[in-house]
Amino acid sequence: MMRWDVHEQPDRLFAATGGRSRAYTEFDLVSLVVSESEPAVGMAPEAVQILRLCRHPMALVEVSARLRMPVGVVAILLSDLLAEGRISVRHPSSGAGGGGPSASWGAAAAPARLPDTGLVREVLVALKNL
């Protein structure tokens, strides 16, 4: 398991977030992020990396791991990119088609439904029999 050293590069993290400690939008760790545009000249290096990484759907935690930055810092950066319309975000419960370039987390999400308990029991029995 990778651990973040809070003393490793605090100045870099502070500069990357503009000193903010919270994202404008709440994010789910497994929501998928997709780039909606190419990096522009003059963008912050972290934003450029995110846009390149997310050419294909990628979960927030995976973006965090690949950037080697804490999830909270990445969430702040994603919040900025979402506000600019440079990424779209799809919450797991919103389905594959939910949201667009400016979709916010959970805005198009349908209420989660639990599976039928009978089906869950059948699956458990089948797994035990393996």
N, C-alpha and C. Protein backbone atom coordinates (compact mmCIF):
# COMPACT_ATOMS: atom_id res chain seq x y z
N MET A 1 0.84 -1.18 0.00
CA MET A 1 0.00 0.00 0.00
C MET A 1 0.89 1.24 0.00
N MET A 2 0.56 2.19 -0.88
CA MET A 2 1.33 3.42 -0.98
C MET A 2 0.87 4.40 0.10
N ARG A 3 1.82 5.02 0.77
CA ARG A 3 1.48 6.00 1.79
C ARG A 3 1.97 7.37 1.34
N TRP A 4 1.19 8.38 1.68
CA TRP A 4 1.56 9.75 1.33
C TRP A 4 2.34 10.33 2.49
N ASP A 5 3.45 10.93 2.20
CA ASP A 5 4.25 11.61 3.21
C ASP A 5 3.84 13.08 3.19
N VAL A 6 3.16 13.53 4.25
CA VAL A 6 2.66 14.89 4.27
C VAL A 6 3.78 15.92 4.26
N HIS A 7 4.98 15.52 4.59
CA HIS A 7 6.11 16.45 4.61
C HIS A 7 6.93 16.38 3.32
N GLU A 8 6.52 15.50 2.40
CA GLU A 8 7.30 15.28 1.18
C GLU A 8 7.39 16.53 0.32
N GLN A 9 6.26 17.08 -0.09
CA GLN A 9 6.25 18.26 -0.94
C GLN A 9 5.05 19.14 -0.61
N PRO A 10 4.95 19.64 0.61
CA PRO A 10 3.76 20.42 0.95
C PRO A 10 3.63 21.70 0.13
N ASP A 11 4.75 22.31 -0.27
CA ASP A 11 4.67 23.53 -1.07
C ASP A 11 4.06 23.25 -2.43
N ARG A 12 4.43 22.12 -3.02
CA ARG A 12 3.88 21.73 -4.32
C ARG A 12 2.37 21.53 -4.24
N LEU A 13 1.92 20.85 -3.19
CA LEU A 13 0.49 20.59 -3.02
C LEU A 13 -0.26 21.89 -2.77
N PHE A 14 0.32 22.78 -1.97
CA PHE A 14 -0.30 24.06 -1.68
C PHE A 14 -0.43 24.88 -2.96
N ALA A 15 0.61 24.90 -3.75
CA ALA A 15 0.60 25.66 -5.01
C ALA A 15 -0.40 25.06 -6.00
N ALA A 16 -0.44 23.73 -6.07
CA ALA A 16 -1.33 23.06 -7.03
C ALA A 16 -2.80 23.36 -6.74
N THR A 17 -3.15 23.52 -5.47
CA THR A 17 -4.55 23.75 -5.09
C THR A 17 -4.86 25.22 -4.86
N GLY A 18 -3.87 26.07 -5.00
CA GLY A 18 -4.09 27.49 -4.74
C GLY A 18 -4.36 27.75 -3.27
N GLY A 19 -3.89 26.86 -2.41
CA GLY A 19 -4.07 27.03 -0.97
C GLY A 19 -5.40 26.53 -0.44
N ARG A 20 -6.25 26.00 -1.32
CA ARG A 20 -7.56 25.51 -0.87
C ARG A 20 -7.43 24.14 -0.21
N SER A 21 -8.31 23.88 0.72
CA SER A 21 -8.27 22.58 1.39
C SER A 21 -9.50 21.73 1.07
N ARG A 22 -10.45 22.27 0.33
CA ARG A 22 -11.66 21.52 -0.02
C ARG A 22 -12.03 21.78 -1.49
N ALA A 23 -12.58 20.74 -2.09
CA ALA A 23 -13.07 20.86 -3.47
C ALA A 23 -14.42 21.55 -3.47
N TYR A 24 -14.75 22.20 -4.58
CA TYR A 24 -16.06 22.85 -4.71
C TYR A 24 -17.17 21.82 -4.85
N THR A 25 -16.81 20.63 -5.28
CA THR A 25 -17.76 19.56 -5.53
C THR A 25 -17.35 18.34 -4.72
N GLU A 26 -18.33 17.61 -4.20
CA GLU A 26 -18.01 16.37 -3.49
C GLU A 26 -17.85 15.26 -4.50
N PHE A 27 -16.82 14.44 -4.30
CA PHE A 27 -16.52 13.37 -5.24
C PHE A 27 -16.61 12.02 -4.55
N ASP A 28 -17.04 11.03 -5.33
CA ASP A 28 -17.03 9.64 -4.90
C ASP A 28 -15.70 9.05 -5.38
N LEU A 29 -15.06 8.26 -4.56
CA LEU A 29 -13.74 7.73 -4.89
C LEU A 29 -13.72 6.87 -6.15
N VAL A 30 -14.83 6.22 -6.47
CA VAL A 30 -14.84 5.31 -7.62
C VAL A 30 -15.55 5.90 -8.83
N SER A 31 -15.93 7.15 -8.76
CA SER A 31 -16.54 7.79 -9.92
C SER A 31 -15.51 7.91 -11.04
N LEU A 32 -15.99 7.85 -12.25
CA LEU A 32 -15.10 7.87 -13.41
C LEU A 32 -14.95 9.28 -13.97
N VAL A 33 -13.73 9.62 -14.28
CA VAL A 33 -13.39 10.94 -14.83
C VAL A 33 -12.95 10.73 -16.28
N VAL A 34 -13.45 11.57 -17.18
CA VAL A 34 -13.10 11.48 -18.59
C VAL A 34 -12.77 12.89 -19.09
N SER A 35 -11.66 13.02 -19.81
CA SER A 35 -11.27 14.30 -20.40
C SER A 35 -12.25 14.66 -21.50
N GLU A 36 -12.60 15.94 -21.56
CA GLU A 36 -13.47 16.44 -22.61
C GLU A 36 -12.72 17.39 -23.54
N SER A 37 -11.44 17.65 -23.23
CA SER A 37 -10.65 18.55 -24.07
C SER A 37 -9.17 18.20 -23.92
N GLU A 38 -8.40 18.71 -24.84
CA GLU A 38 -6.95 18.55 -24.76
C GLU A 38 -6.39 19.63 -23.84
N PRO A 39 -5.21 19.40 -23.27
CA PRO A 39 -4.59 20.44 -22.44
C PRO A 39 -4.34 21.71 -23.25
N ALA A 40 -4.49 22.85 -22.59
CA ALA A 40 -4.25 24.13 -23.23
C ALA A 40 -2.91 24.69 -22.78
N VAL A 41 -2.36 25.55 -23.59
CA VAL A 41 -1.10 26.21 -23.26
C VAL A 41 -1.30 27.02 -21.99
N GLY A 42 -0.35 26.91 -21.08
CA GLY A 42 -0.40 27.68 -19.85
C GLY A 42 -1.12 27.01 -18.69
N MET A 43 -1.66 25.82 -18.91
CA MET A 43 -2.33 25.10 -17.83
C MET A 43 -1.31 24.59 -16.81
N ALA A 44 -1.76 24.42 -15.59
CA ALA A 44 -0.89 23.86 -14.55
C ALA A 44 -0.46 22.45 -14.95
N PRO A 45 0.76 22.05 -14.61
CA PRO A 45 1.24 20.71 -15.01
C PRO A 45 0.35 19.58 -14.50
N GLU A 46 -0.20 19.74 -13.29
CA GLU A 46 -1.06 18.69 -12.74
C GLU A 46 -2.34 18.56 -13.55
N ALA A 47 -2.90 19.68 -13.99
CA ALA A 47 -4.12 19.65 -14.80
C ALA A 47 -3.83 18.99 -16.16
N VAL A 48 -2.68 19.28 -16.72
CA VAL A 48 -2.29 18.67 -17.99
C VAL A 48 -2.19 17.15 -17.82
N GLN A 49 -1.55 16.71 -16.73
CA GLN A 49 -1.42 15.28 -16.47
C GLN A 49 -2.78 14.63 -16.33
N ILE A 50 -3.69 15.28 -15.61
CA ILE A 50 -5.03 14.71 -15.42
C ILE A 50 -5.74 14.56 -16.76
N LEU A 51 -5.70 15.59 -17.58
CA LEU A 51 -6.38 15.52 -18.88
C LEU A 51 -5.79 14.42 -19.76
N ARG A 52 -4.50 14.22 -19.68
CA ARG A 52 -3.87 13.15 -20.48
C ARG A 52 -4.21 11.77 -19.91
N LEU A 53 -4.19 11.64 -18.58
CA LEU A 53 -4.51 10.35 -17.96
C LEU A 53 -5.95 9.94 -18.23
N CYS A 54 -6.84 10.91 -18.27
CA CYS A 54 -8.27 10.61 -18.32
C CYS A 54 -8.83 10.63 -19.74
N ARG A 55 -7.99 10.39 -20.71
CA ARG A 55 -8.51 10.27 -22.09
C ARG A 55 -9.48 9.09 -22.17
N HIS A 56 -9.24 8.11 -21.33
CA HIS A 56 -10.14 6.98 -21.15
C HIS A 56 -10.64 7.05 -19.71
N PRO A 57 -11.85 6.59 -19.43
CA PRO A 57 -12.40 6.71 -18.07
C PRO A 57 -11.44 6.16 -17.02
N MET A 58 -11.29 6.93 -15.95
CA MET A 58 -10.40 6.53 -14.85
C MET A 58 -11.02 6.99 -13.53
N ALA A 59 -10.98 6.12 -12.54
CA ALA A 59 -11.53 6.44 -11.22
C ALA A 59 -10.65 7.47 -10.51
N LEU A 60 -11.29 8.27 -9.67
CA LEU A 60 -10.58 9.30 -8.91
C LEU A 60 -9.39 8.72 -8.15
N VAL A 61 -9.58 7.58 -7.50
CA VAL A 61 -8.48 7.01 -6.72
C VAL A 61 -7.32 6.57 -7.61
N GLU A 62 -7.63 6.14 -8.83
CA GLU A 62 -6.55 5.75 -9.74
C GLU A 62 -5.78 6.98 -10.23
N VAL A 63 -6.50 8.06 -10.49
CA VAL A 63 -5.84 9.31 -10.88
C VAL A 63 -4.90 9.74 -9.75
N SER A 64 -5.40 9.67 -8.53
CA SER A 64 -4.60 10.03 -7.36
C SER A 64 -3.33 9.18 -7.26
N ALA A 65 -3.47 7.89 -7.46
CA ALA A 65 -2.32 6.99 -7.37
C ALA A 65 -1.31 7.27 -8.47
N ARG A 66 -1.80 7.50 -9.68
CA ARG A 66 -0.88 7.73 -10.80
C ARG A 66 -0.14 9.06 -10.68
N LEU A 67 -0.81 10.06 -10.11
CA LEU A 67 -0.16 11.35 -9.89
C LEU A 67 0.70 11.36 -8.63
N ARG A 68 0.53 10.32 -7.81
CA ARG A 68 1.22 10.25 -6.51
C ARG A 68 0.91 11.48 -5.66
N MET A 69 -0.40 11.81 -5.64
CA MET A 69 -0.89 12.93 -4.87
C MET A 69 -2.06 12.46 -4.02
N PRO A 70 -2.27 13.07 -2.86
CA PRO A 70 -3.41 12.69 -2.01
C PRO A 70 -4.74 12.88 -2.73
N VAL A 71 -5.71 12.05 -2.39
CA VAL A 71 -7.04 12.09 -3.01
C VAL A 71 -7.66 13.47 -2.86
N GLY A 72 -7.53 14.08 -1.70
CA GLY A 72 -8.12 15.40 -1.47
C GLY A 72 -7.58 16.46 -2.41
N VAL A 73 -6.30 16.41 -2.68
CA VAL A 73 -5.67 17.37 -3.59
C VAL A 73 -6.17 17.13 -5.01
N VAL A 74 -6.24 15.87 -5.42
CA VAL A 74 -6.72 15.54 -6.76
C VAL A 74 -8.19 15.96 -6.89
N ALA A 75 -8.98 15.78 -5.85
CA ALA A 75 -10.39 16.18 -5.89
C ALA A 75 -10.51 17.69 -6.13
N ILE A 76 -9.64 18.48 -5.52
CA ILE A 76 -9.66 19.93 -5.73
C ILE A 76 -9.33 20.26 -7.18
N LEU A 77 -8.32 19.59 -7.72
CA LEU A 77 -7.94 19.82 -9.12
C LEU A 77 -9.06 19.39 -10.06
N LEU A 78 -9.69 18.26 -9.78
CA LEU A 78 -10.80 17.79 -10.61
C LEU A 78 -11.98 18.76 -10.54
N SER A 79 -12.21 19.30 -9.37
CA SER A 79 -13.30 20.27 -9.20
C SER A 79 -13.09 21.48 -10.10
N ASP A 80 -11.86 21.95 -10.18
CA ASP A 80 -11.55 23.08 -11.07
C ASP A 80 -11.77 22.72 -12.53
N LEU A 81 -11.29 21.53 -12.93
CA LEU A 81 -11.44 21.09 -14.32
C LEU A 81 -12.91 20.88 -14.68
N LEU A 82 -13.68 20.38 -13.73
CA LEU A 82 -15.11 20.17 -13.96
C LEU A 82 -15.82 21.51 -14.15
N ALA A 83 -15.46 22.49 -13.33
CA ALA A 83 -16.06 23.83 -13.45
C ALA A 83 -15.72 24.48 -14.79
N GLU A 84 -14.56 24.17 -15.33
CA GLU A 84 -14.14 24.71 -16.62
C GLU A 84 -14.70 23.92 -17.80
N GLY A 85 -15.36 22.79 -17.53
CA GLY A 85 -15.92 21.96 -18.59
C GLY A 85 -14.87 21.12 -19.31
N ARG A 86 -13.71 20.95 -18.71
CA ARG A 86 -12.63 20.19 -19.35
C ARG A 86 -12.72 18.69 -19.08
N ILE A 87 -13.52 18.28 -18.08
CA ILE A 87 -13.73 16.87 -17.79
C ILE A 87 -15.21 16.63 -17.57
N SER A 88 -15.61 15.38 -17.69
CA SER A 88 -16.93 14.97 -17.26
C SER A 88 -16.74 13.87 -16.22
N VAL A 89 -17.71 13.74 -15.36
CA VAL A 89 -17.60 12.80 -14.25
C VAL A 89 -18.87 11.96 -14.23
N ARG A 90 -18.70 10.68 -14.11
CA ARG A 90 -19.83 9.76 -14.05
C ARG A 90 -19.79 8.98 -12.76
N HIS A 91 -20.82 9.18 -11.97
CA HIS A 91 -20.95 8.47 -10.70
C HIS A 91 -21.38 7.05 -11.01
N PRO A 92 -20.90 6.06 -10.27
CA PRO A 92 -21.25 4.67 -10.57
C PRO A 92 -22.75 4.41 -10.66
N SER A 93 -23.57 5.08 -9.88
CA SER A 93 -25.00 4.81 -9.90
C SER A 93 -25.73 5.54 -11.01
N SER A 94 -25.02 6.42 -11.78
CA SER A 94 -25.70 7.15 -12.84
C SER A 94 -25.70 6.38 -14.15
N GLY A 95 -24.98 5.27 -14.23
CA GLY A 95 -24.96 4.47 -15.45
C GLY A 95 -23.97 5.01 -16.45
N ALA A 96 -23.80 4.28 -17.54
CA ALA A 96 -22.80 4.63 -18.54
C ALA A 96 -23.12 5.92 -19.27
N GLY A 97 -24.40 6.23 -19.47
CA GLY A 97 -24.75 7.40 -20.25
C GLY A 97 -25.01 8.62 -19.40
N GLY A 98 -24.92 8.54 -18.10
CA GLY A 98 -25.28 9.65 -17.24
C GLY A 98 -24.30 10.80 -17.32
N GLY A 99 -24.84 11.99 -17.30
CA GLY A 99 -23.99 13.17 -17.24
C GLY A 99 -23.41 13.55 -18.57
N GLY A 100 -22.93 14.75 -18.66
CA GLY A 100 -22.27 15.24 -19.86
C GLY A 100 -21.02 15.97 -19.45
N PRO A 101 -20.49 16.81 -20.32
CA PRO A 101 -19.25 17.50 -20.01
C PRO A 101 -19.33 18.33 -18.74
N SER A 102 -20.49 18.87 -18.42
CA SER A 102 -20.58 19.69 -17.22
C SER A 102 -21.36 19.00 -16.11
N ALA A 103 -21.50 17.69 -16.20
CA ALA A 103 -22.27 16.97 -15.19
C ALA A 103 -21.58 17.04 -13.85
N SER A 104 -22.36 17.25 -12.82
CA SER A 104 -21.78 17.25 -11.48
C SER A 104 -21.98 15.88 -10.87
N TRP A 105 -21.28 15.62 -9.79
CA TRP A 105 -21.33 14.31 -9.15
C TRP A 105 -22.72 14.04 -8.64
N GLY A 106 -23.28 12.95 -9.11
CA GLY A 106 -24.56 12.50 -8.58
C GLY A 106 -25.75 13.28 -9.10
N ALA A 107 -25.56 14.28 -9.94
CA ALA A 107 -26.68 15.09 -10.41
C ALA A 107 -27.68 14.24 -11.19
N ALA A 108 -27.19 13.30 -11.99
CA ALA A 108 -28.08 12.48 -12.79
C ALA A 108 -28.24 11.09 -12.19
N ALA A 109 -27.79 10.90 -10.98
CA ALA A 109 -27.80 9.58 -10.39
C ALA A 109 -29.20 9.17 -9.97
N ALA A 110 -29.54 7.94 -10.31
CA ALA A 110 -30.81 7.38 -9.86
C ALA A 110 -30.59 6.76 -8.49
N PRO A 111 -31.65 6.64 -7.70
CA PRO A 111 -31.48 6.01 -6.39
C PRO A 111 -30.98 4.58 -6.54
N ALA A 112 -30.05 4.21 -5.69
CA ALA A 112 -29.48 2.87 -5.75
C ALA A 112 -30.54 1.85 -5.33
N ARG A 113 -30.54 0.72 -6.03
CA ARG A 113 -31.45 -0.36 -5.68
C ARG A 113 -30.64 -1.54 -5.20
N LEU A 114 -31.08 -2.15 -4.11
CA LEU A 114 -30.41 -3.34 -3.61
C LEU A 114 -30.90 -4.56 -4.37
N PRO A 115 -30.02 -5.54 -4.58
CA PRO A 115 -30.47 -6.75 -5.29
C PRO A 115 -31.43 -7.55 -4.43
N ASP A 116 -32.20 -8.37 -5.09
CA ASP A 116 -33.16 -9.24 -4.41
C ASP A 116 -32.41 -10.16 -3.45
N THR A 117 -32.89 -10.29 -2.21
CA THR A 117 -32.20 -11.12 -1.21
C THR A 117 -32.16 -12.58 -1.63
N GLY A 118 -33.18 -13.05 -2.34
CA GLY A 118 -33.18 -14.44 -2.82
C GLY A 118 -32.04 -14.69 -3.79
N LEU A 119 -31.80 -13.73 -4.66
CA LEU A 119 -30.71 -13.85 -5.62
C LEU A 119 -29.36 -13.85 -4.90
N VAL A 120 -29.22 -12.99 -3.91
CA VAL A 120 -27.97 -12.94 -3.14
C VAL A 120 -27.72 -14.28 -2.45
N ARG A 121 -28.76 -14.86 -1.89
CA ARG A 121 -28.62 -16.18 -1.23
C ARG A 121 -28.18 -17.25 -2.22
N GLU A 122 -28.79 -17.24 -3.41
CA GLU A 122 -28.42 -18.22 -4.44
C GLU A 122 -26.95 -18.07 -4.83
N VAL A 123 -26.50 -16.85 -4.96
CA VAL A 123 -25.10 -16.60 -5.32
C VAL A 123 -24.18 -17.10 -4.21
N LEU A 124 -24.52 -16.83 -2.96
CA LEU A 124 -23.70 -17.30 -1.84
C LEU A 124 -23.63 -18.81 -1.80
N VAL A 125 -24.74 -19.48 -2.02
CA VAL A 125 -24.76 -20.95 -2.03
C VAL A 125 -23.88 -21.46 -3.16
N ALA A 126 -24.01 -20.84 -4.34
CA ALA A 126 -23.18 -21.28 -5.47
C ALA A 126 -21.70 -21.08 -5.19
N LEU A 127 -21.35 -19.96 -4.56
CA LEU A 127 -19.94 -19.72 -4.23
C LEU A 127 -19.42 -20.73 -3.21
N LYS A 128 -20.24 -21.08 -2.24
CA LYS A 128 -19.82 -22.08 -1.25
C LYS A 128 -19.60 -23.45 -1.88
N ASN A 129 -20.38 -23.74 -2.92
CA ASN A 129 -20.27 -25.04 -3.58
C ASN A 129 -19.07 -25.15 -4.52
N LEU A 130 -18.41 -24.05 -4.77
CA LEU A 130 -17.24 -24.09 -5.68
C LEU A 130 -16.07 -24.83 -5.07
